[in-house]
Protein backbone atom coordinates (compact mmCIF):
# COMPACT_ATOMS: atom_id res chain seq x y z
CA MET A 1 -78.44 -17.91 -28.58
CA THR A 2 -78.54 -14.49 -26.50
CA ASP A 3 -76.96 -17.50 -24.44
CA GLU A 4 -74.35 -17.97 -26.82
CA LYS A 5 -72.86 -15.32 -27.73
CA PRO A 6 -71.29 -13.26 -23.86
CA ARG A 7 -70.01 -17.17 -24.23
CA ARG A 8 -67.65 -16.33 -27.03
CA THR A 9 -66.61 -13.46 -25.91
CA ARG A 10 -65.73 -14.46 -22.47
CA SER A 11 -64.15 -17.61 -23.98
CA PHE A 12 -62.33 -15.30 -26.76
CA LEU A 13 -60.60 -13.13 -23.44
CA SER A 14 -60.26 -15.78 -20.89
CA GLY A 15 -57.94 -16.84 -24.35
CA LEU A 16 -56.67 -13.70 -24.67
CA SER A 17 -55.86 -13.01 -21.10
CA LEU A 18 -53.70 -15.55 -21.06
CA PRO A 19 -50.80 -14.62 -23.00
CA ILE A 20 -51.29 -10.86 -22.73
CA ILE A 21 -50.42 -11.74 -18.82
CA SER A 22 -47.66 -13.90 -19.81
CA LEU A 23 -46.37 -11.29 -21.83
CA LEU A 24 -46.60 -9.04 -19.47
CA ILE A 25 -44.82 -10.29 -17.10
CA ALA A 26 -41.94 -11.61 -18.77
CA SER A 27 -41.32 -7.71 -19.77
CA LEU A 28 -41.33 -6.56 -16.40
CA SER A 29 -38.85 -8.98 -15.73
CA LEU A 30 -37.38 -8.23 -18.77
CA MET A 31 -37.22 -4.36 -17.13
CA ALA A 32 -36.12 -5.33 -13.60
CA SER A 33 -32.91 -7.78 -14.85
CA ILE A 34 -32.15 -4.70 -17.16
CA SER A 35 -32.78 -2.74 -13.23
CA GLN A 36 -30.64 -5.07 -11.88
CA SER A 37 -27.65 -5.27 -14.35
CA TYR A 38 -28.01 -0.91 -14.55
CA ASN A 39 -27.36 -0.77 -10.80
CA TYR A 40 -25.11 -3.53 -9.91
CA ARG A 41 -22.92 -2.08 -13.26
CA ARG A 42 -22.88 0.93 -11.42
CA ASN A 43 -22.27 -0.98 -7.77
CA ILE A 44 -18.93 -2.22 -8.97
CA GLU A 45 -17.69 1.11 -11.12
CA SER A 46 -18.08 2.90 -6.94
CA VAL A 47 -16.55 0.00 -5.13
CA GLN A 48 -13.56 -0.13 -7.96
CA GLN A 49 -13.18 3.94 -7.92
CA ASN A 50 -13.35 3.90 -3.76
CA VAL A 51 -10.06 0.87 -3.87
CA LEU A 52 -7.74 2.95 -6.35
CA ARG A 53 -9.14 6.32 -4.67
CA ALA A 54 -8.08 4.80 -0.78
CA GLU A 55 -5.33 2.72 -2.81
CA ASN A 56 -3.98 6.42 -4.40
CA LEU A 57 -4.79 8.17 -0.94
CA LYS A 58 -2.17 5.45 0.44
CA THR A 59 0.37 5.04 -2.18
CA CYS A 60 0.92 9.05 -1.27
CA ARG A 61 0.62 9.41 2.05
CA GLU A 62 3.40 7.04 1.56
CA ILE A 63 5.60 9.38 -0.50
CA ILE A 64 4.99 11.85 1.96
CA GLU A 65 6.24 10.32 5.03
CA VAL A 66 9.29 8.93 2.87
CA PHE A 67 9.89 12.80 1.67
CA PHE A 68 9.65 14.23 5.55
CA ALA A 69 11.40 10.63 7.27
CA PHE A 70 14.36 11.71 4.71
CA ARG A 71 14.37 15.17 4.66
CA LEU A 72 14.98 14.59 8.64
CA ARG A 73 18.12 13.28 8.51
CA ALA A 74 19.26 14.88 5.14
CA GLU A 75 18.92 18.39 7.96
CA GLU A 76 20.65 15.95 10.16
CA ALA A 77 22.78 15.40 8.37
CA ASN A 78 23.79 19.18 7.51
CA ALA A 79 23.54 20.13 11.18
CA ARG A 80 26.22 17.39 11.74
CA GLY A 81 28.30 18.61 8.48
CA ARG A 82 31.87 16.74 8.27
CA GLU A 83 32.88 15.96 12.06
CA VAL A 84 31.05 12.51 12.23
CA ALA A 85 33.77 10.46 11.11
CA ALA A 86 33.65 8.19 8.06
CA ASP A 87 32.22 5.42 8.74
CA LEU A 88 29.17 7.06 10.40
CA GLN A 89 29.16 8.93 7.27
CA ALA A 90 29.37 6.07 4.83
CA SER A 91 26.08 5.03 6.97
CA THR A 92 23.90 8.18 6.87
CA ARG A 93 24.76 8.66 3.61
CA ARG A 94 23.55 5.54 2.73
CA GLU A 95 20.13 5.50 5.09
CA LEU A 96 19.73 8.79 2.79
CA LYS A 97 19.71 6.82 -0.60
CA SER A 98 17.51 3.95 0.69
CA LEU A 99 14.94 7.00 1.46
CA VAL A 100 15.74 8.32 -1.64
CA TYR A 101 15.40 4.93 -4.22
CA ARG A 102 12.38 4.07 -1.23
CA PHE A 103 11.32 7.37 -2.75
CA GLY A 104 11.15 6.90 -6.71
CA ALA A 105 9.92 3.36 -6.60
CA ILE A 106 7.06 5.20 -4.60
CA GLY A 107 7.24 8.21 -7.42
CA THR A 108 7.22 5.84 -9.54
CA HIS A 109 4.27 3.98 -8.72
CA LEU A 110 2.33 7.10 -9.05
CA ALA A 111 4.15 7.52 -12.30
CA ASN A 112 2.32 4.95 -14.00
CA PHE A 113 -0.72 6.52 -12.64
CA ALA A 114 0.15 9.68 -14.39
CA PRO A 115 0.81 11.86 -18.01
CA ASP A 116 4.29 11.94 -19.09
CA ALA A 117 5.15 15.42 -17.71
CA ALA A 118 4.72 14.49 -13.90
CA ARG A 119 6.97 11.12 -14.61
CA GLU A 120 10.29 14.25 -15.77
CA ARG A 121 8.79 16.18 -12.82
CA TYR A 122 8.94 12.42 -9.98
CA SER A 123 12.48 11.51 -12.10
CA ARG A 124 13.30 14.62 -11.35
CA LEU A 125 12.43 15.92 -7.77
CA SER A 126 14.25 12.16 -7.26
CA TRP A 127 17.66 13.32 -8.50
CA MET A 128 17.04 16.04 -6.53
CA LEU A 129 16.85 14.21 -3.60
CA ASN A 130 20.27 11.37 -4.88
CA ASP A 131 21.94 14.72 -5.28
CA VAL A 132 21.56 15.50 -1.53
CA ALA A 133 22.02 12.44 0.50
CA GLU A 134 25.38 12.37 -1.89
CA LYS A 135 26.72 15.97 -0.60
CA ALA A 136 24.03 16.68 2.82
CA MET A 137 26.94 16.23 5.36
CA GLY A 138 28.72 18.89 2.78
CA LEU A 139 27.47 21.56 2.12
CA SER A 140 26.42 25.02 3.62
CA LEU A 141 23.42 25.52 5.65
CA ALA A 142 22.86 28.15 3.18
CA GLU A 143 23.30 25.98 -0.09
CA PHE A 144 21.21 23.29 2.34
CA ASP A 145 18.05 25.65 2.56
CA THR A 146 18.53 26.87 -0.96
CA ARG A 147 18.48 23.62 -2.50
CA PHE A 148 15.43 22.23 -0.40
CA SER A 149 13.94 25.79 -1.37
CA GLU A 150 14.37 24.02 -5.17
CA ILE A 151 13.03 20.10 -3.86
CA ASP A 152 10.52 21.48 -1.85
CA THR A 153 8.85 23.40 -5.04
CA ALA A 154 8.84 20.16 -6.43
CA PHE A 155 7.14 18.50 -3.80
CA ALA A 156 4.42 20.49 -3.24
CA THR A 157 4.03 19.70 -7.12
CA LEU A 158 4.44 15.88 -6.40
CA ASN A 159 1.53 16.45 -3.79
CA GLU A 160 -0.85 19.03 -5.98
CA ASP A 161 -0.55 15.27 -8.50
CA CYS A 162 -1.78 13.69 -5.24
CA VAL A 163 -4.73 15.81 -4.48
CA LYS A 164 -5.60 15.87 -7.69
CA ALA A 165 -5.69 12.02 -8.59
CA THR A 166 -7.48 12.13 -5.45
CA LYS A 167 -10.58 13.90 -7.16
CA LEU A 168 -10.78 12.51 -9.74
CA HIS A 169 -11.35 9.16 -8.47
CA SER A 170 -14.17 9.96 -5.78
């Protein structure tokens, strides 16, 4: 009789241990799957933030390049003044307006990801640049500098918006 009791206990434990081991393995697999899903989601979010940051940096760099190209050409046009021929004045004005329109397009793209106040600032800056493009050759140097002083202040705000947006996506 004593021999039968240990067998029953062993067979009961061995019969019970198989379901417990199976449940333990299933539980561990479930926890590993949940952990992998969480890590995958975090990695996807990280990649998305890096892509947004890179695109924002690229767009900000592009608008800065357009702004300074406009400024250089506007300064050249202002320095030449009215002494250039009418057809050259028209060509210069078209070139300046082309840069303004490009600036406006990129500014509109940036403004789509910014608050309404930023949208208004970007539009105002584009209109200020457009006004300079129209009148650059007829403005006195002092008037030209005064207008660009205001434009530079508005552009500095746009640049700060770019910096803030880039830091948000970091």
